[in-house]
Amino acid sequence: MGGALVEATNLANNKIVHGFLRKLVDQKAGYLLSKEMSIQIKNKVYDELLTGIFDKGFKRLLKNLLKESIKKGCAWLHVYLRRECPFSDGC
């Protein structure tokens, strides 16, 4: 054998499939992200740029990240900065 996993053919391999965990995870994620994000800033240019960044796609990304963290206990989001900065006064 050499330490390799071998399936036990004499035991039952029945699995009960149900979406109970999925329902609970969706319910918790929906509850935690139910309110819309609000950005309050005095500079109108930054407000428009941040509103463009935090759109529906970012909310979907955040919800998927939250679901993964609920299921696995930890989730990561890596942020990459580009050379060209969208802000006028630099990054």
C-alpha atoms as a PDB file:
ATOM      1  CA  MET A   1       0.000   0.000   0.000  1.00  0.00           C
ATOM      2  CA  GLY A   2       2.758   2.479   0.841  1.00  0.00           C
ATOM      3  CA  GLY A   3       0.518   4.916   2.723  1.00  0.00           C
ATOM      4  CA  ALA A   4      -1.880   5.509  -0.190  1.00  0.00           C
ATOM      5  CA  LEU A   5      -5.584   5.884   0.604  1.00  0.00           C
ATOM      6  CA  VAL A   6      -7.666   2.839  -0.283  1.00  0.00           C
ATOM      7  CA  GLU A   7     -11.440   2.925  -0.433  1.00  0.00           C
ATOM      8  CA  ALA A   8     -13.137   0.457   1.905  1.00  0.00           C
ATOM      9  CA  THR A   9     -15.403  -1.510  -0.455  1.00  0.00           C
ATOM     10  CA  ASN A  10     -17.180  -3.379   2.352  1.00  0.00           C
ATOM     11  CA  LEU A  11     -18.620  -0.168   3.913  1.00  0.00           C
ATOM     12  CA  ALA A  12     -21.521   1.948   2.696  1.00  0.00           C
ATOM     13  CA  ASN A  13     -20.612   5.238   1.047  1.00  0.00           C
ATOM     14  CA  ASN A  14     -24.035   6.870   1.251  1.00  0.00           C
ATOM     15  CA  LYS A  15     -24.167  10.636   1.580  1.00  0.00           C
ATOM     16  CA  ILE A  16     -27.246  12.649   2.395  1.00  0.00           C
ATOM     17  CA  VAL A  17     -27.401  15.595   0.035  1.00  0.00           C
ATOM     18  CA  HIS A  18     -29.362  18.630   1.156  1.00  0.00           C
ATOM     19  CA  GLY A  19     -28.926  22.363   0.860  1.00  0.00           C
ATOM     20  CA  PHE A  20     -29.351  23.216   4.534  1.00  0.00           C
ATOM     21  CA  LEU A  21     -25.881  24.691   4.969  1.00  0.00           C
ATOM     22  CA  ARG A  22     -26.214  26.656   1.736  1.00  0.00           C
ATOM     23  CA  LYS A  23     -29.517  28.098   2.929  1.00  0.00           C
ATOM     24  CA  LEU A  24     -28.026  29.165   6.269  1.00  0.00           C
ATOM     25  CA  VAL A  25     -24.952  30.726   4.625  1.00  0.00           C
ATOM     26  CA  ASP A  26     -27.089  32.652   2.107  1.00  0.00           C
ATOM     27  CA  GLN A  27     -29.366  33.832   4.918  1.00  0.00           C
ATOM     28  CA  LYS A  28     -26.465  35.080   7.050  1.00  0.00           C
ATOM     29  CA  ALA A  29     -24.711  36.785   4.120  1.00  0.00           C
ATOM     30  CA  GLY A  30     -27.962  38.430   3.058  1.00  0.00           C
ATOM     31  CA  TYR A  31     -28.552  39.698   6.575  1.00  0.00           C
ATOM     32  CA  LEU A  32     -25.032  41.088   7.024  1.00  0.00           C
ATOM     33  CA  LEU A  33     -25.001  42.834   3.624  1.00  0.00           C
ATOM     34  CA  SER A  34     -28.643  43.894   3.483  1.00  0.00           C
ATOM     35  CA  LYS A  35     -27.971  47.635   3.835  1.00  0.00           C
ATOM     36  CA  GLU A  36     -26.493  49.515   0.911  1.00  0.00           C
ATOM     37  CA  MET A  37     -22.972  50.840   1.327  1.00  0.00           C
ATOM     38  CA  SER A  38     -22.798  54.581   1.828  1.00  0.00           C
ATOM     39  CA  ILE A  39     -19.778  56.715   1.041  1.00  0.00           C
ATOM     40  CA  GLN A  40     -19.651  60.164   2.600  1.00  0.00           C
ATOM     41  CA  ILE A  41     -16.871  62.409   1.389  1.00  0.00           C
ATOM     42  CA  LYS A  42     -16.646  66.145   0.772  1.00  0.00           C
ATOM     43  CA  ASN A  43     -14.623  65.971  -2.436  1.00  0.00           C
ATOM     44  CA  LYS A  44     -16.979  65.296  -5.376  1.00  0.00           C
ATOM     45  CA  VAL A  45     -14.210  63.872  -7.581  1.00  0.00           C
ATOM     46  CA  TYR A  46     -13.288  61.229  -5.000  1.00  0.00           C
ATOM     47  CA  ASP A  47     -16.971  60.549  -4.438  1.00  0.00           C
ATOM     48  CA  GLU A  48     -17.490  59.758  -8.129  1.00  0.00           C
ATOM     49  CA  LEU A  49     -14.329  57.613  -8.280  1.00  0.00           C
ATOM     50  CA  LEU A  50     -15.231  55.634  -5.161  1.00  0.00           C
ATOM     51  CA  THR A  51     -18.803  55.187  -6.336  1.00  0.00           C
ATOM     52  CA  GLY A  52     -17.391  53.709  -9.548  1.00  0.00           C
ATOM     53  CA  ILE A  53     -15.213  51.303  -7.582  1.00  0.00           C
ATOM     54  CA  PHE A  54     -17.840  50.194  -5.063  1.00  0.00           C
ATOM     55  CA  ASP A  55     -20.464  49.162  -7.616  1.00  0.00           C
ATOM     56  CA  LYS A  56     -22.636  46.046  -7.943  1.00  0.00           C
ATOM     57  CA  GLY A  57     -19.635  43.977  -8.985  1.00  0.00           C
ATOM     58  CA  PHE A  58     -17.766  44.865  -5.797  1.00  0.00           C
ATOM     59  CA  LYS A  59     -20.849  44.096  -3.707  1.00  0.00           C
ATOM     60  CA  ARG A  60     -21.092  40.683  -5.393  1.00  0.00           C
ATOM     61  CA  LEU A  61     -17.373  40.112  -4.719  1.00  0.00           C
ATOM     62  CA  LEU A  62     -17.826  41.093  -1.078  1.00  0.00           C
ATOM     63  CA  LYS A  63     -20.824  38.774  -0.702  1.00  0.00           C
ATOM     64  CA  ASN A  64     -18.905  35.839  -2.209  1.00  0.00           C
ATOM     65  CA  LEU A  65     -15.978  36.607   0.088  1.00  0.00           C
ATOM     66  CA  LEU A  66     -18.313  36.693   3.079  1.00  0.00           C
ATOM     67  CA  LYS A  67     -19.852  33.341   2.107  1.00  0.00           C
ATOM     68  CA  GLU A  68     -16.406  31.755   1.850  1.00  0.00           C
ATOM     69  CA  SER A  69     -15.434  33.140   5.253  1.00  0.00           C
ATOM     70  CA  ILE A  70     -18.625  31.766   6.801  1.00  0.00           C
ATOM     71  CA  LYS A  71     -18.055  28.311   5.315  1.00  0.00           C
ATOM     72  CA  LYS A  72     -14.299  28.043   5.848  1.00  0.00           C
ATOM     73  CA  GLY A  73     -13.641  30.430   8.725  1.00  0.00           C
ATOM     74  CA  CYS A  74     -11.279  32.702   6.803  1.00  0.00           C
ATOM     75  CA  ALA A  75     -11.246  34.362   3.373  1.00  0.00           C
ATOM     76  CA  TRP A  76      -8.802  36.715   1.670  1.00  0.00           C
ATOM     77  CA  LEU A  77      -9.039  39.598  -0.746  1.00  0.00           C
ATOM     78  CA  HIS A  78      -5.779  40.760  -2.299  1.00  0.00           C
ATOM     79  CA  VAL A  79      -5.671  44.355  -3.474  1.00  0.00           C
ATOM     80  CA  TYR A  80      -3.395  45.311  -6.355  1.00  0.00           C
ATOM     81  CA  LEU A  81      -2.405  48.911  -7.056  1.00  0.00           C
ATOM     82  CA  ARG A  82      -1.744  50.054 -10.609  1.00  0.00           C
ATOM     83  CA  ARG A  83       1.095  52.347 -11.589  1.00  0.00           C
ATOM     84  CA  GLU A  84      -1.273  54.982 -12.956  1.00  0.00           C
ATOM     85  CA  CYS A  85      -3.266  56.430 -10.104  1.00  0.00           C
ATOM     86  CA  PRO A  86      -6.908  57.418 -10.694  1.00  0.00           C
ATOM     87  CA  PHE A  87      -6.644  60.255  -8.156  1.00  0.00           C
ATOM     88  CA  SER A  88      -5.384  63.650  -9.304  1.00  0.00           C
ATOM     89  CA  ASP A  89      -3.076  64.297  -6.332  1.00  0.00           C
ATOM     90  CA  GLY A  90      -1.323  60.914  -6.467  1.00  0.00           C
ATOM     91  CA  CYS A  91      -1.529  57.739  -4.470  1.00  0.00           C
END
